[in-house]
Amino acid sequence: MEVENHHALTFRQRIGLFTPMLTFLTVFVSLAAFNFGYDVGTFGGVQGMKAFAQKFGRYEEDAKLWALPAYLSSIMTSTPFLGKLIGTLSCGPVAERYGRKMAILILACISLVGVTLQVSATTAAQFTVGRVINFAMTGFTLVVVPIFQSECAPPTLRGMISATLQLQIGFGQLVASLVNYGTKGMDGDVSWLIPTGLQLVVPVIILGLLPMLPESPRWLMARGRKDEALEAMVKLRKKDVPIELLQEEIELLAASDTNQGKGTWKEIFQGVNKRRTIIAVTAMFFQQITGQAFVSQYAVIFYQRQKIPNPFGISVIQAVVGLVTIIFTSLVVDSFGRRPILLVGGSLMAFFLFILGGVGTIHNPNPTQKNTMVASNILFGASYALSWAPLSYTILGETATSRLKEKTNNLATSISVITTFVVSFTLPYLLNPPYAALGARVGFIYGSLSALSVVVAWLLIPEMKGRSLEEVDEMFEKNIAVREFRNYQSSGIGGAITREDNTLTEISGKSSINAADKAI
């Protein structure tokens, strides 16, 4: 049987593979990322609100507006990523020892504390500390969610399911933009307290529904809890799948060395694991170094300084376009694959950033040129949402071996957090006077980095769509070249697990189509 027979699946068949529990797991686990997107989107607008600037900032005579000074904007935007780093480093040991569900429980509790500090803040320091604590929740999310989703998803749905993490981030940013747009004209602190306080909703939902969530079957197998792993697998697969086939898959997982115990930190830099670590780190590094913070965190104040009308309305448009693009990617990634989308998306990112930088060289741009800036920014954000934004998490979730997944994800996400901190900290100084005052010309910097991401993706990142995690292990062990991944056919245990999953997929797909036909 050919490994890539899943290509025959139609979109209708793929959607039919979702069981109620798998759908719940996909949405619920990724929901933890909603608050990250919401927080980033909220603060990107809140720092441009007059009441917030009056409380924590100062009046700038030259610009004729209340604003946070560049140093304070830099600190309040970038230092929370230190909390994200702490959360990242803490999550791996928790998820490895106590399970994926415990990590999700802890991240929800962290979020409640962080948001409470923000809404009760009387100083910029307290507000920033609240964001730092809240971002520790984000660190937990970015480590445990890709692991949890990749371990529970069938190979033919792993790309779609993994992309929901970025989908929730994008949805959070959209909701934040809409809330900011609705409250920006309110008098007093209520204009920023409402969007900030709404972050309390998601952790409460997570804590309420967490008991319904099954644990990861692969984590249970690594702990020697085979019966519980089978029970979790039964919940995740369709009811009409014979129990004998699920038991056979569990036995295959048990036979795979990658699901036996956990490795050491030293192992992630040894042998074939070094290559896998480099791929995971590369994916997360280029997700952030290409300048997405310019769109997600500084767009509103950039438009304000450029005297572009309705900056809050534009931020809503940006969020809508980004969300639609992420949805598109999640629907096609298991058909087209990861590499083609990364290469096309990265190329478009570079193209639109270079246009933005070019327009930025014009002194006193006219309305048409300002519109070109806005369009370039929006289209850069769409290209990012098409490619590096969601697919970095997909690659992160499927690259590392199960024995080292927590540690590899810890390292890759930590590099991502440090990169995000550097970008977020330096952007106000690059954008605004009296420092570099590059304005839109930062497009040249991040456009060049986006172009570099295309080259690196071509050289390093293989195509892993439609493969079981154990088959991916086998392919790395055999040191298959990057451009040979797509056509490789396995004869080992990993390939057997993929074929077993494909058999279950065919059964579930046929039953879904038959049920739909009967309903019609």
Protein backbone atom coordinates (compact mmCIF):
# COMPACT_ATOMS: atom_id res chain seq x y z
CA MET A 1 0.00 0.00 0.00
CA GLU A 2 1.39 3.41 -0.86
CA VAL A 3 1.95 5.76 2.04
CA GLU A 4 0.31 8.69 0.33
CA ASN A 5 -3.03 7.10 -0.44
CA HIS A 6 -4.61 9.70 1.84
CA HIS A 7 -4.33 12.16 -1.05
CA ALA A 8 -7.52 10.60 -2.38
CA LEU A 9 -9.47 12.04 0.52
CA THR A 10 -11.77 14.88 -0.42
CA PHE A 11 -12.33 17.86 1.85
CA ARG A 12 -15.74 16.44 2.70
CA GLN A 13 -14.13 13.17 3.78
CA ARG A 14 -11.54 14.93 5.90
CA ILE A 15 -14.20 16.86 7.77
CA GLY A 16 -16.11 13.60 8.22
CA LEU A 17 -13.17 12.15 10.16
CA PHE A 18 -13.77 14.50 13.09
CA THR A 19 -15.51 12.78 15.97
CA PRO A 20 -17.28 14.91 18.59
CA MET A 21 -14.42 14.30 21.05
CA LEU A 22 -11.68 15.02 18.48
CA THR A 23 -13.51 18.23 17.53
CA PHE A 24 -13.80 19.18 21.19
CA LEU A 25 -10.11 18.46 21.80
CA THR A 26 -9.07 20.45 18.72
CA VAL A 27 -11.04 23.55 19.70
CA PHE A 28 -10.64 23.30 23.46
CA VAL A 29 -6.87 22.73 23.56
CA SER A 30 -6.21 25.53 21.06
CA LEU A 31 -8.53 27.83 23.05
CA ALA A 32 -5.61 28.43 25.40
CA ALA A 33 -4.00 30.39 22.55
CA PHE A 34 -7.02 32.71 22.24
CA ASN A 35 -5.92 34.82 25.21
CA PHE A 36 -2.42 35.19 23.75
CA GLY A 37 -3.80 36.64 20.52
CA TYR A 38 -6.35 38.67 22.45
CA ASP A 39 -3.72 40.12 24.81
CA VAL A 40 -1.38 41.07 21.97
CA GLY A 41 -4.27 42.56 19.97
CA THR A 42 -5.72 44.36 22.97
CA PHE A 43 -2.50 46.00 24.08
CA GLY A 44 -1.67 46.98 20.51
CA GLY A 45 -4.80 49.14 20.60
CA VAL A 46 -4.98 49.97 24.32
CA GLN A 47 -1.62 51.73 24.26
CA GLY A 48 -3.06 54.01 21.58
CA MET A 49 -6.10 54.95 23.72
CA LYS A 50 -6.11 58.44 25.21
CA ALA A 51 -7.23 57.34 28.69
CA PHE A 52 -4.50 54.69 28.92
CA ALA A 53 -1.85 57.12 27.69
CA GLN A 54 -3.04 59.77 30.16
CA LYS A 55 -2.78 57.29 33.03
CA PHE A 56 0.60 55.78 32.16
CA GLY A 57 2.16 58.03 29.50
CA ARG A 58 2.72 61.72 28.70
CA TYR A 59 1.63 64.45 26.29
CA GLU A 60 3.89 64.94 23.26
CA GLU A 61 3.87 68.55 22.06
CA ASP A 62 5.40 67.77 18.67
CA ALA A 63 2.86 65.08 17.78
CA LYS A 64 -0.01 66.83 19.61
CA LEU A 65 -1.20 63.62 21.28
CA TRP A 66 -1.03 61.63 24.51
CA ALA A 67 1.28 58.63 24.08
CA LEU A 68 3.53 56.24 25.92
CA PRO A 69 7.17 57.29 25.59
CA ALA A 70 9.18 54.96 23.36
CA TYR A 71 11.09 53.44 26.28
CA LEU A 72 7.88 52.65 28.19
CA SER A 73 6.11 51.28 25.12
CA SER A 74 9.15 49.09 24.54
CA ILE A 75 9.21 47.85 28.14
CA MET A 76 5.46 47.21 28.40
CA THR A 77 5.40 45.38 25.08
CA SER A 78 8.61 43.36 25.31
CA THR A 79 9.13 42.43 28.97
CA PRO A 80 6.02 40.20 29.06
CA PHE A 81 7.96 37.87 26.79
CA LEU A 82 10.26 37.18 29.74
CA GLY A 83 7.21 35.70 31.44
CA LYS A 84 6.54 33.75 28.28
CA LEU A 85 10.09 32.37 28.47
CA ILE A 86 9.60 31.32 32.09
CA GLY A 87 6.34 29.60 31.14
CA THR A 88 8.05 27.86 28.24
CA LEU A 89 10.86 26.50 30.40
CA SER A 90 8.44 25.43 33.13
CA CYS A 91 5.90 23.69 30.93
CA GLY A 92 8.13 20.94 29.51
CA PRO A 93 8.87 19.25 32.85
CA VAL A 94 5.23 19.58 33.94
CA ALA A 95 3.82 18.15 30.70
CA GLU A 96 6.40 15.36 30.67
CA ARG A 97 5.90 14.24 34.27
CA TYR A 98 2.28 15.05 35.05
CA GLY A 99 0.64 15.02 31.61
CA ARG A 100 -0.78 17.41 29.07
CA LYS A 101 -3.99 18.09 31.01
CA MET A 102 -2.10 19.24 34.11
CA ALA A 103 -0.16 21.75 32.00
CA ILE A 104 -3.43 23.16 30.67
CA LEU A 105 -4.84 23.41 34.21
CA ILE A 106 -1.81 25.40 35.36
CA LEU A 107 -1.85 27.79 32.39
CA ALA A 108 -5.49 28.69 33.08
CA CYS A 109 -4.70 29.51 36.73
CA ILE A 110 -1.70 31.64 35.68
CA SER A 111 -3.89 33.64 33.31
CA LEU A 112 -6.41 34.45 36.04
CA VAL A 113 -3.67 35.91 38.24
CA GLY A 114 -2.07 37.95 35.43
CA VAL A 115 -5.29 39.51 34.17
CA THR A 116 -6.42 40.39 37.70
CA LEU A 117 -3.20 42.34 38.22
CA GLN A 118 -3.72 44.23 34.96
CA VAL A 119 -7.30 45.35 35.62
CA SER A 120 -6.38 46.53 39.13
CA ALA A 121 -3.23 48.35 38.00
CA THR A 122 -2.56 51.86 39.26
CA THR A 123 0.97 52.08 37.86
CA ALA A 124 2.66 51.08 34.64
CA ALA A 125 4.86 48.71 36.66
CA GLN A 126 1.87 46.75 38.03
CA PHE A 127 0.24 46.57 34.60
CA THR A 128 3.48 45.27 33.11
CA VAL A 129 3.94 42.67 35.87
CA GLY A 130 0.39 41.46 35.15
CA ARG A 131 1.27 41.07 31.47
CA VAL A 132 4.48 39.24 32.37
CA ILE A 133 2.55 36.72 34.49
CA ASN A 134 -0.18 36.40 31.87
CA PHE A 135 2.42 35.67 29.20
CA ALA A 136 3.73 32.76 31.29
CA MET A 137 0.41 31.21 30.30
CA THR A 138 1.40 31.76 26.68
CA GLY A 139 4.68 29.94 27.23
CA PHE A 140 2.79 26.94 28.57
CA THR A 141 0.41 27.10 25.61
CA LEU A 142 3.07 27.12 22.90
CA VAL A 143 4.81 24.08 24.40
CA VAL A 144 1.89 21.83 25.34
CA VAL A 145 -0.69 22.57 22.63
CA PRO A 146 1.38 21.49 19.56
CA ILE A 147 2.46 18.35 21.45
CA PHE A 148 -1.07 17.49 22.60
CA GLN A 149 -2.64 18.07 19.20
CA SER A 150 0.00 16.21 17.19
CA GLU A 151 -0.17 13.21 19.54
CA CYS A 152 -3.95 12.92 19.27
CA ALA A 153 -4.55 13.83 15.61
CA PRO A 154 -4.78 11.23 12.82
CA PRO A 155 -1.95 11.80 10.27
CA THR A 156 -4.43 12.95 7.60
CA LEU A 157 -5.74 15.71 9.89
CA ARG A 158 -2.60 16.74 11.77
CA GLY A 159 -1.91 19.83 9.68
CA MET A 160 -5.48 21.09 9.96
CA ILE A 161 -5.66 20.43 13.69
CA SER A 162 -2.23 21.94 14.44
CA ALA A 163 -3.13 25.09 12.50
CA THR A 164 -5.97 25.81 14.94
CA LEU A 165 -3.43 27.15 17.46
CA GLN A 166 -2.62 30.08 15.18
CA LEU A 167 -6.29 30.26 14.20
CA GLN A 168 -7.19 30.92 17.84
CA ILE A 169 -4.42 33.51 18.09
CA GLY A 170 -5.80 35.24 14.99
CA PHE A 171 -9.37 34.99 16.27
CA GLY A 172 -8.25 36.50 19.59
CA GLN A 173 -6.63 39.39 17.76
CA LEU A 174 -9.81 39.98 15.75
CA VAL A 175 -12.02 39.99 18.85
CA ALA A 176 -9.55 42.31 20.57
CA SER A 177 -9.61 44.71 17.60
CA LEU A 178 -13.40 44.78 17.62
CA VAL A 179 -13.56 45.34 21.38
CA ASN A 180 -10.93 48.09 21.17
CA TYR A 181 -12.84 49.69 18.31
CA GLY A 182 -16.00 49.66 20.43
CA THR A 183 -14.43 51.07 23.60
CA LYS A 184 -11.85 53.54 22.25
CA GLY A 185 -14.32 56.43 22.40
CA MET A 186 -15.46 55.79 25.98
CA ASP A 187 -14.52 58.31 28.62
CA GLY A 188 -12.13 57.39 31.39
CA ASP A 189 -10.34 54.16 32.29
CA VAL A 190 -13.31 52.01 31.32
CA SER A 191 -12.13 52.30 27.69
CA TRP A 192 -9.10 50.07 28.42
CA LEU A 193 -10.41 48.18 31.46
CA ILE A 194 -13.17 46.44 29.48
CA PRO A 195 -10.93 44.94 26.77
CA THR A 196 -8.32 44.00 29.38
CA GLY A 197 -10.79 42.41 31.81
CA LEU A 198 -12.47 40.25 29.17
CA GLN A 199 -9.37 38.05 29.27
CA LEU A 200 -10.80 36.46 32.42
CA VAL A 201 -13.45 34.61 30.38
CA VAL A 202 -11.27 32.02 28.63
CA PRO A 203 -9.42 30.60 31.67
CA VAL A 204 -12.75 30.18 33.45
CA ILE A 205 -14.09 28.20 30.47
CA ILE A 206 -10.93 26.07 30.40
CA LEU A 207 -11.16 25.23 34.09
CA GLY A 208 -14.84 24.34 33.75
CA LEU A 209 -14.48 21.98 30.78
CA LEU A 210 -11.05 20.44 31.43
CA PRO A 211 -12.42 17.30 33.17
CA MET A 212 -14.09 16.28 29.88
CA LEU A 213 -10.78 16.15 28.01
CA PRO A 214 -9.00 12.78 27.48
CA GLU A 215 -5.26 12.55 28.11
CA SER A 216 -2.84 12.05 25.20
CA PRO A 217 -2.67 8.33 24.26
CA ARG A 218 1.02 8.60 23.41
CA TRP A 219 1.88 10.22 26.75
CA LEU A 220 -0.04 7.43 28.51
CA MET A 221 1.89 4.85 26.47
CA ALA A 222 5.19 6.49 27.48
CA ARG A 223 4.06 6.05 31.09
CA GLY A 224 3.23 2.38 30.58
CA ARG A 225 -0.52 2.96 30.99
CA LYS A 226 -1.65 0.94 27.98
CA ASP A 227 -5.26 0.37 29.07
CA GLU A 228 -5.81 4.10 29.67
CA ALA A 229 -4.19 4.84 26.29
CA LEU A 230 -6.66 2.52 24.57
CA GLU A 231 -9.54 4.16 26.43
CA ALA A 232 -8.38 7.60 25.27
CA MET A 233 -7.97 6.32 21.69
CA VAL A 234 -11.53 4.94 21.71
CA LYS A 235 -12.85 8.37 22.73
CA LEU A 236 -10.94 10.10 19.93
CA ARG A 237 -11.84 7.73 17.08
CA LYS A 238 -15.23 7.10 15.51
CA LYS A 239 -17.53 4.62 17.26
CA ASP A 240 -17.88 2.39 14.20
CA VAL A 241 -14.12 1.65 14.13
CA PRO A 242 -13.62 -1.96 15.33
CA ILE A 243 -11.97 -2.13 18.75
CA GLU A 244 -9.60 -4.77 17.36
CA LEU A 245 -8.07 -2.20 14.98
CA LEU A 246 -7.58 0.29 17.81
CA GLN A 247 -5.96 -2.43 19.93
CA GLU A 248 -3.66 -3.25 17.01
CA GLU A 249 -2.63 0.40 16.73
CA ILE A 250 -1.93 0.52 20.48
CA GLU A 251 0.28 -2.56 20.15
CA LEU A 252 2.16 -0.94 17.28
CA LEU A 253 2.67 2.19 19.37
CA ALA A 254 3.94 0.00 22.21
CA ALA A 255 6.37 -1.71 19.82
CA SER A 256 7.83 1.62 18.73
CA ASP A 257 10.89 2.59 20.75
CA THR A 258 9.99 6.27 20.43
CA ASN A 259 7.03 5.81 22.78
CA GLN A 260 9.07 4.15 25.52
CA GLY A 261 10.14 6.52 28.29
CA LYS A 262 11.73 9.95 27.95
CA GLY A 263 15.17 11.05 26.83
CA THR A 264 17.69 13.49 28.26
CA TRP A 265 18.59 17.06 27.28
CA LYS A 266 21.87 15.78 25.91
CA GLU A 267 20.07 13.59 23.38
CA ILE A 268 18.44 16.49 21.54
CA PHE A 269 21.90 17.50 20.27
CA GLN A 270 23.07 13.97 19.39
CA GLY A 271 22.85 11.98 16.14
CA VAL A 272 19.74 12.45 14.03
CA ASN A 273 18.05 14.32 16.87
CA LYS A 274 20.38 17.27 16.25
CA ARG A 275 18.88 17.66 12.76
CA ARG A 276 15.36 17.51 14.19
CA THR A 277 16.21 20.08 16.84
CA ILE A 278 17.62 22.45 14.20
CA ILE A 279 14.41 22.13 12.13
CA ALA A 280 12.17 22.85 15.14
CA VAL A 281 14.28 25.82 16.25
CA THR A 282 14.43 27.18 12.69
CA ALA A 283 10.64 27.02 12.30
CA MET A 284 10.02 28.93 15.52
CA PHE A 285 12.85 31.44 14.96
CA PHE A 286 11.67 32.56 11.53
CA GLN A 287 8.09 32.76 12.75
CA GLN A 288 9.15 35.78 14.84
CA ILE A 289 12.26 37.35 13.30
CA THR A 290 10.38 38.28 10.10
CA GLY A 291 8.65 41.20 11.86
CA GLN A 292 5.12 40.04 12.63
CA ALA A 293 5.20 42.26 15.76
CA PHE A 294 5.06 45.28 13.45
CA VAL A 295 1.55 44.25 12.38
CA SER A 296 0.27 42.66 15.58
CA GLN A 297 1.63 45.05 18.23
CA TYR A 298 2.63 48.39 16.71
CA ALA A 299 0.33 48.89 13.72
CA VAL A 300 -2.11 51.25 15.47
CA ILE A 301 0.56 53.61 16.82
CA PHE A 302 2.44 53.42 13.49
CA TYR A 303 -0.70 54.56 11.63
CA GLN A 304 -1.27 57.30 14.20
CA ARG A 305 2.24 58.71 13.70
CA GLN A 306 1.83 58.52 9.93
CA LYS A 307 -1.43 60.53 10.29
CA ILE A 308 -3.34 57.72 8.60
CA PRO A 309 -7.09 58.00 9.35
CA ASN A 310 -9.01 55.41 11.39
CA PRO A 311 -6.10 53.28 12.68
CA PHE A 312 -8.40 51.19 14.90
CA GLY A 313 -10.65 50.39 11.94
CA ILE A 314 -7.63 49.35 9.89
CA SER A 315 -6.51 47.04 12.70
CA VAL A 316 -9.90 45.32 12.52
CA ILE A 317 -9.48 44.82 8.77
CA GLN A 318 -5.98 43.41 9.35
CA ALA A 319 -7.31 40.96 11.91
CA VAL A 320 -10.17 39.82 9.63
CA VAL A 321 -7.86 39.30 6.65
CA GLY A 322 -5.37 37.40 8.80
CA LEU A 323 -8.06 35.17 10.28
CA VAL A 324 -9.56 34.32 6.89
CA THR A 325 -6.10 33.45 5.57
CA ILE A 326 -5.36 31.17 8.55
CA ILE A 327 -8.67 29.38 8.00
CA PHE A 328 -7.75 28.85 4.35
CA THR A 329 -4.36 27.40 5.32
CA SER A 330 -5.88 25.06 7.88
CA LEU A 331 -8.21 23.67 5.19
CA VAL A 332 -5.54 23.05 2.54
CA VAL A 333 -2.35 22.25 4.46
CA ASP A 334 -3.01 18.49 4.53
CA SER A 335 -3.53 18.53 0.76
CA PHE A 336 -0.77 20.87 -0.45
CA GLY A 337 1.72 20.19 2.32
CA ARG A 338 3.89 22.38 4.53
CA ARG A 339 6.87 23.20 2.28
CA PRO A 340 5.02 24.75 -0.70
CA ILE A 341 2.94 26.99 1.54
CA LEU A 342 6.00 28.12 3.53
CA LEU A 343 7.93 28.95 0.36
CA VAL A 344 5.08 30.87 -1.28
CA GLY A 345 4.08 32.67 1.92
CA GLY A 346 7.64 33.67 2.79
CA SER A 347 8.21 35.04 -0.71
CA LEU A 348 5.04 37.15 -0.51
CA MET A 349 6.02 38.43 2.94
CA ALA A 350 9.34 39.69 1.57
CA PHE A 351 7.66 41.25 -1.49
CA PHE A 352 5.12 43.30 0.48
CA LEU A 353 7.65 44.38 3.11
CA PHE A 354 9.97 45.68 0.41
CA ILE A 355 7.05 47.68 -1.04
CA LEU A 356 6.35 49.10 2.44
CA GLY A 357 10.00 50.04 2.85
CA GLY A 358 10.10 51.66 -0.58
CA VAL A 359 7.10 53.86 0.14
CA GLY A 360 8.70 54.72 3.49
CA THR A 361 11.56 56.47 1.67
CA ILE A 362 9.14 59.11 0.39
CA HIS A 363 9.16 62.31 2.46
CA ASN A 364 5.62 63.50 3.34
CA PRO A 365 3.73 60.75 1.47
CA ASN A 366 0.42 61.68 -0.15
CA PRO A 367 -2.86 59.84 0.60
CA THR A 368 -2.33 57.32 -2.21
CA GLN A 369 1.13 56.46 -0.90
CA LYS A 370 -0.22 56.14 2.64
CA ASN A 371 -2.87 53.76 1.34
CA THR A 372 -0.10 51.74 -0.27
CA MET A 373 1.58 51.48 3.15
CA VAL A 374 -1.64 50.21 4.68
CA ALA A 375 -2.25 47.72 1.87
CA SER A 376 1.33 46.42 2.05
CA ASN A 377 1.06 45.99 5.81
CA ILE A 378 -2.25 44.13 5.53
CA LEU A 379 -0.99 41.89 2.72
CA PHE A 380 2.22 41.14 4.61
CA GLY A 381 0.08 40.09 7.58
CA ALA A 382 -2.05 37.90 5.29
CA SER A 383 1.05 36.25 3.81
CA TYR A 384 2.38 35.62 7.31
CA ALA A 385 -0.96 34.15 8.38
CA LEU A 386 -0.89 31.94 5.28
CA SER A 387 2.48 30.40 6.05
CA TRP A 388 4.90 30.88 8.93
CA ALA A 389 2.27 31.84 11.51
CA PRO A 390 0.32 28.54 11.60
CA LEU A 391 2.79 26.11 10.02
CA SER A 392 5.60 26.73 12.48
CA TYR A 393 3.43 25.12 15.15
CA THR A 394 2.58 22.24 12.82
CA ILE A 395 6.26 21.60 12.12
CA LEU A 396 7.11 21.96 15.81
CA GLY A 397 4.50 19.36 16.76
CA GLU A 398 5.60 16.72 14.26
CA THR A 399 9.40 17.12 14.05
CA ALA A 400 10.70 15.95 17.44
CA THR A 401 10.65 12.30 18.48
CA SER A 402 8.19 11.43 21.24
CA ARG A 403 11.03 10.66 23.65
CA LEU A 404 12.34 14.20 23.34
CA LYS A 405 9.25 16.15 22.33
CA GLU A 406 8.90 18.22 25.52
CA LYS A 407 12.59 19.13 25.61
CA THR A 408 12.84 19.92 21.90
CA ASN A 409 9.69 22.06 22.04
CA ASN A 410 11.03 23.77 25.17
CA LEU A 411 14.22 24.78 23.39
CA ALA A 412 12.53 25.82 20.12
CA THR A 413 9.84 27.84 21.86
CA SER A 414 12.40 29.48 24.16
CA ILE A 415 14.37 30.61 21.10
CA SER A 416 11.12 31.94 19.66
CA VAL A 417 10.35 33.87 22.85
CA ILE A 418 13.82 35.42 22.98
CA THR A 419 13.51 36.40 19.32
CA THR A 420 10.08 37.92 19.92
CA PHE A 421 11.45 39.86 22.89
CA VAL A 422 14.29 41.29 20.79
CA VAL A 423 11.94 42.27 17.94
CA SER A 424 9.32 43.79 20.27
CA PHE A 425 11.93 45.66 22.32
CA THR A 426 13.76 47.15 19.35
CA LEU A 427 10.80 48.04 17.12
CA PRO A 428 9.81 51.28 18.95
CA TYR A 429 13.40 52.47 18.68
CA LEU A 430 13.56 51.55 14.99
CA LEU A 431 10.19 53.13 14.20
CA ASN A 432 10.01 56.31 16.24
CA PRO A 433 11.95 59.54 16.86
CA PRO A 434 14.22 60.57 18.50
CA TYR A 435 15.91 57.22 17.80
CA ALA A 436 16.35 55.52 14.39
CA ALA A 437 12.98 56.93 13.19
CA LEU A 438 12.89 54.52 10.24
CA GLY A 439 9.10 54.41 10.10
CA ALA A 440 7.96 52.26 7.19
CA ARG A 441 11.57 51.71 6.12
CA VAL A 442 11.77 48.86 8.66
CA GLY A 443 10.21 46.93 5.78
CA PHE A 444 13.69 46.64 4.25
CA ILE A 445 15.02 44.96 7.39
CA TYR A 446 12.22 42.46 7.85
CA GLY A 447 11.77 41.96 4.11
CA SER A 448 15.37 40.76 3.90
CA LEU A 449 14.80 38.38 6.81
CA SER A 450 11.64 37.07 5.15
CA ALA A 451 13.59 36.39 1.96
CA LEU A 452 16.17 34.51 4.04
CA SER A 453 13.38 32.41 5.57
CA VAL A 454 12.46 31.14 2.10
CA VAL A 455 16.01 29.95 1.45
CA VAL A 456 16.27 28.28 4.86
CA ALA A 457 12.89 26.54 4.48
CA TRP A 458 13.95 25.18 1.09
CA LEU A 459 17.19 23.79 2.49
CA LEU A 460 16.10 22.47 5.88
CA ILE A 461 12.39 21.80 6.34
CA PRO A 462 11.08 18.48 4.93
CA GLU A 463 7.52 17.56 3.99
CA MET A 464 5.91 15.51 6.79
CA LYS A 465 2.23 15.61 5.84
CA GLY A 466 0.21 12.42 6.12
CA ARG A 467 2.83 10.51 8.12
CA SER A 468 2.38 9.03 11.58
CA LEU A 469 4.77 10.48 14.14
CA GLU A 470 6.47 7.09 14.32
CA GLU A 471 7.01 7.05 10.54
CA VAL A 472 8.55 10.51 10.78
CA ASP A 473 10.91 9.04 13.39
CA GLU A 474 11.85 6.27 10.96
CA MET A 475 12.56 8.71 8.14
CA PHE A 476 14.87 10.81 10.28
CA GLU A 477 16.63 7.69 11.55
CA LYS A 478 17.34 6.72 7.93
CA ASN A 479 18.59 10.28 7.27
CA ILE A 480 16.26 10.79 4.30
CA ALA A 481 17.17 13.97 2.36
CA VAL A 482 14.86 16.97 2.68
CA ARG A 483 13.50 16.81 -0.86
CA GLU A 484 13.03 13.01 -0.73
CA PHE A 485 10.66 13.05 2.26
CA ARG A 486 7.55 13.52 0.13
CA ASN A 487 7.98 10.34 -1.92
CA TYR A 488 9.55 8.03 0.67
CA GLN A 489 7.74 4.73 1.32
CA SER A 490 8.27 3.00 4.63
CA SER A 491 8.42 -0.71 5.40
CA GLY A 492 9.04 -0.43 9.17
CA ILE A 493 6.83 -0.07 12.25
CA GLY A 494 6.33 3.65 11.53
CA GLY A 495 4.93 2.87 8.10
CA ALA A 496 2.72 0.16 9.61
CA ILE A 497 1.27 2.69 12.06
CA THR A 498 0.60 5.10 9.18
CA ARG A 499 -1.15 2.35 7.21
CA GLU A 500 -3.14 1.37 10.30
CA ASP A 501 -4.23 4.98 10.71
CA ASN A 502 -5.12 5.15 7.02
CA THR A 503 -7.23 2.01 7.37
CA LEU A 504 -9.10 3.57 10.30
CA THR A 505 -9.42 6.73 8.22
CA GLU A 506 -10.95 4.85 5.29
CA ILE A 507 -13.47 3.15 7.57
CA SER A 508 -14.41 6.43 9.25
CA GLY A 509 -14.52 8.31 5.94
CA LYS A 510 -16.82 5.79 4.28
CA SER A 511 -19.15 5.71 7.28
CA SER A 512 -19.31 9.52 7.32
CA ILE A 513 -20.14 9.69 3.60
CA ASN A 514 -22.77 6.98 3.92
CA ALA A 515 -24.37 8.77 6.86
CA ALA A 516 -24.39 12.05 4.95
CA ASP A 517 -25.92 10.40 1.88
CA LYS A 518 -28.66 8.84 3.98
CA ALA A 519 -29.40 12.18 5.56
CA ILE A 520 -29.73 13.76 2.11
